[in-house]
N, C-alpha and C. Protein backbone atom coordinates (compact mmCIF):
# COMPACT_ATOMS: atom_id res chain seq x y z
N MET A 1 124.95 125.25 100.60
CA MET A 1 125.26 124.20 99.65
C MET A 1 124.23 123.09 99.73
N ASN A 2 123.87 122.57 98.60
CA ASN A 2 122.91 121.46 98.56
C ASN A 2 123.63 120.13 98.53
N ILE A 3 123.08 119.19 99.25
CA ILE A 3 123.62 117.83 99.23
C ILE A 3 122.77 117.04 98.26
N LYS A 4 123.43 116.35 97.34
CA LYS A 4 122.69 115.61 96.33
C LYS A 4 123.22 114.18 96.21
N LYS A 5 122.50 113.36 95.46
CA LYS A 5 122.85 111.97 95.26
C LYS A 5 124.28 111.85 94.73
N GLY A 6 125.05 110.94 95.33
CA GLY A 6 126.43 110.72 94.89
C GLY A 6 127.47 111.45 95.71
N ASP A 7 127.06 112.45 96.50
CA ASP A 7 128.01 113.19 97.34
C ASP A 7 128.50 112.32 98.49
N ASN A 8 129.74 112.54 98.92
CA ASN A 8 130.27 111.89 100.12
C ASN A 8 130.04 112.81 101.29
N VAL A 9 129.45 112.27 102.38
CA VAL A 9 129.10 113.08 103.54
C VAL A 9 129.61 112.44 104.82
N ILE A 10 129.71 113.25 105.88
CA ILE A 10 130.07 112.81 107.22
C ILE A 10 128.89 113.10 108.13
N VAL A 11 128.54 112.12 108.99
CA VAL A 11 127.42 112.29 109.91
C VAL A 11 127.90 113.08 111.13
N LEU A 12 127.15 114.12 111.49
CA LEU A 12 127.53 115.01 112.59
C LEU A 12 126.83 114.69 113.91
N ALA A 13 125.68 114.02 113.86
CA ALA A 13 124.91 113.78 115.08
C ALA A 13 124.22 112.43 115.01
N GLY A 14 123.87 111.91 116.19
CA GLY A 14 123.14 110.64 116.25
C GLY A 14 124.04 109.47 116.56
N LYS A 15 123.46 108.27 116.51
CA LYS A 15 124.21 107.07 116.88
C LYS A 15 125.34 106.75 115.92
N ASP A 16 125.28 107.26 114.70
CA ASP A 16 126.32 107.01 113.70
C ASP A 16 127.26 108.19 113.52
N LYS A 17 127.36 109.04 114.53
CA LYS A 17 128.21 110.23 114.47
C LYS A 17 129.64 109.85 114.12
N GLY A 18 130.22 110.57 113.15
CA GLY A 18 131.60 110.31 112.74
C GLY A 18 131.73 109.40 111.54
N LYS A 19 130.68 108.66 111.22
CA LYS A 19 130.73 107.77 110.06
C LYS A 19 130.58 108.59 108.79
N SER A 20 131.12 108.05 107.71
CA SER A 20 130.97 108.73 106.42
C SER A 20 130.43 107.74 105.41
N GLY A 21 129.84 108.26 104.36
CA GLY A 21 129.29 107.41 103.32
C GLY A 21 128.79 108.22 102.15
N LYS A 22 128.32 107.52 101.14
CA LYS A 22 127.84 108.14 99.92
C LYS A 22 126.33 108.30 100.01
N VAL A 23 125.81 109.42 99.53
CA VAL A 23 124.36 109.66 99.53
C VAL A 23 123.75 108.81 98.43
N LEU A 24 122.85 107.90 98.83
CA LEU A 24 122.18 107.02 97.87
C LEU A 24 120.92 107.67 97.31
N ARG A 25 120.29 108.51 98.15
CA ARG A 25 119.04 109.14 97.74
C ARG A 25 118.84 110.43 98.52
N ALA A 26 118.39 111.47 97.85
CA ALA A 26 118.08 112.74 98.50
C ALA A 26 116.58 112.96 98.40
N ILE A 27 115.98 113.40 99.51
CA ILE A 27 114.54 113.68 99.55
C ILE A 27 114.38 115.15 99.95
N PRO A 28 114.45 116.07 98.97
CA PRO A 28 114.45 117.49 99.29
C PRO A 28 113.17 118.01 99.93
N LYS A 29 112.02 117.45 99.60
CA LYS A 29 110.76 117.91 100.18
C LYS A 29 110.71 117.71 101.69
N GLU A 30 111.39 116.67 102.17
CA GLU A 30 111.40 116.36 103.61
C GLU A 30 112.74 116.71 104.26
N ASP A 31 113.68 117.27 103.51
CA ASP A 31 115.03 117.60 103.99
C ASP A 31 115.73 116.37 104.58
N MET A 32 115.64 115.24 103.89
CA MET A 32 116.24 113.99 104.35
C MET A 32 117.19 113.45 103.28
N VAL A 33 118.18 112.67 103.74
CA VAL A 33 119.08 111.97 102.83
C VAL A 33 119.28 110.54 103.33
N LEU A 34 119.44 109.63 102.38
CA LEU A 34 119.72 108.24 102.70
C LEU A 34 121.21 108.02 102.43
N VAL A 35 121.96 107.69 103.49
CA VAL A 35 123.41 107.54 103.38
C VAL A 35 123.77 106.06 103.51
N GLU A 36 124.67 105.62 102.65
CA GLU A 36 125.11 104.23 102.60
C GLU A 36 125.77 103.82 103.92
N GLY A 37 125.27 102.76 104.56
CA GLY A 37 125.85 102.22 105.79
C GLY A 37 125.55 103.00 107.05
N VAL A 38 124.59 103.95 106.99
CA VAL A 38 124.26 104.77 108.15
C VAL A 38 122.78 104.61 108.47
N ASN A 39 122.45 104.62 109.77
CA ASN A 39 121.08 104.51 110.26
C ASN A 39 120.41 103.22 109.79
N LEU A 40 121.12 102.11 109.97
CA LEU A 40 120.58 100.80 109.59
C LEU A 40 119.74 100.24 110.73
N LYS A 41 118.60 99.65 110.37
CA LYS A 41 117.72 99.03 111.35
C LYS A 41 117.34 97.65 110.86
N LYS A 42 117.15 96.72 111.80
CA LYS A 42 116.74 95.37 111.43
C LYS A 42 115.22 95.34 111.29
N VAL A 43 114.77 94.83 110.14
CA VAL A 43 113.34 94.78 109.83
C VAL A 43 112.95 93.33 109.58
N HIS A 44 111.84 92.91 110.17
CA HIS A 44 111.33 91.56 109.95
C HIS A 44 110.45 91.58 108.71
N GLU A 45 110.83 90.77 107.71
CA GLU A 45 110.07 90.69 106.48
C GLU A 45 109.20 89.44 106.50
N LYS A 46 107.97 89.60 106.08
CA LYS A 46 107.03 88.49 106.01
C LYS A 46 107.38 87.60 104.83
N SER A 47 107.01 86.34 104.92
CA SER A 47 107.30 85.43 103.82
C SER A 47 106.44 85.77 102.61
N ARG A 48 106.96 85.50 101.46
CA ARG A 48 106.24 85.72 100.21
C ARG A 48 105.87 84.36 99.62
N LYS A 49 104.77 84.26 98.97
CA LYS A 49 104.36 83.02 98.27
C LYS A 49 104.34 81.81 99.20
N GLY A 50 103.52 81.81 100.19
CA GLY A 50 103.29 80.68 101.09
C GLY A 50 104.46 79.82 101.51
N ALA A 51 105.21 79.25 100.57
CA ALA A 51 106.27 78.30 100.91
C ALA A 51 107.53 78.96 101.46
N GLY A 52 107.80 80.20 101.11
CA GLY A 52 109.02 80.88 101.55
C GLY A 52 109.00 81.19 103.03
N LYS A 53 110.18 81.43 103.59
CA LYS A 53 110.29 81.78 105.00
C LYS A 53 110.47 83.29 105.15
N GLY A 54 110.03 83.79 106.30
CA GLY A 54 110.28 85.19 106.62
C GLY A 54 111.75 85.35 107.00
N GLN A 55 112.21 86.59 107.02
CA GLN A 55 113.61 86.81 107.36
C GLN A 55 113.80 88.17 107.99
N ILE A 56 114.96 88.35 108.61
CA ILE A 56 115.32 89.63 109.21
C ILE A 56 116.36 90.28 108.30
N VAL A 57 116.06 91.52 107.87
CA VAL A 57 116.91 92.22 106.92
C VAL A 57 117.33 93.56 107.50
N GLU A 58 118.57 93.98 107.26
CA GLU A 58 119.00 95.31 107.68
C GLU A 58 118.64 96.29 106.57
N LYS A 59 117.93 97.34 106.96
CA LYS A 59 117.45 98.32 106.00
C LYS A 59 117.91 99.71 106.42
N GLY A 60 118.33 100.52 105.46
CA GLY A 60 118.77 101.89 105.74
C GLY A 60 117.60 102.84 105.75
N TYR A 61 117.60 103.78 106.70
CA TYR A 61 116.57 104.80 106.80
C TYR A 61 117.20 106.17 106.64
N PRO A 62 116.44 107.12 106.09
CA PRO A 62 117.00 108.46 105.87
C PRO A 62 117.22 109.22 107.17
N ILE A 63 118.17 110.15 107.13
CA ILE A 63 118.43 111.04 108.27
C ILE A 63 118.30 112.48 107.79
N HIS A 64 118.10 113.39 108.72
CA HIS A 64 117.89 114.79 108.36
C HIS A 64 119.17 115.39 107.80
N VAL A 65 119.00 116.23 106.81
CA VAL A 65 120.14 116.82 106.10
C VAL A 65 120.99 117.70 107.03
N SER A 66 120.41 118.23 108.11
CA SER A 66 121.18 119.07 109.04
C SER A 66 122.18 118.25 109.85
N ASN A 67 122.05 116.94 109.84
CA ASN A 67 122.93 116.07 110.61
C ASN A 67 124.10 115.53 109.78
N VAL A 68 124.27 116.05 108.56
CA VAL A 68 125.40 115.63 107.71
C VAL A 68 126.09 116.86 107.13
N LYS A 69 127.35 116.67 106.76
CA LYS A 69 128.07 117.72 106.03
C LYS A 69 128.89 117.07 104.93
N LEU A 70 129.17 117.84 103.90
CA LEU A 70 129.94 117.33 102.77
C LEU A 70 131.37 117.00 103.22
N ALA A 71 131.86 115.86 102.78
CA ALA A 71 133.24 115.48 103.06
C ALA A 71 134.11 116.00 101.92
N LYS A 72 135.35 116.35 102.25
CA LYS A 72 136.23 116.90 101.21
C LYS A 72 137.09 115.82 100.62
């Protein structure tokens, strides 16, 4: 079965094991999926346009498709 954008999945392995979420993006060439609320990392963003301040933002990263399964 193929996992595609919009599917609800459960994470089977890794630090977010047991969490579930909706697939926001599928990357079939790399066998990766981006799942909502899973594999979040804090990223330091540089300031834009001189006057603005930099900030720390939580960003989602894709996980391998073998580490998720479709939720029923």
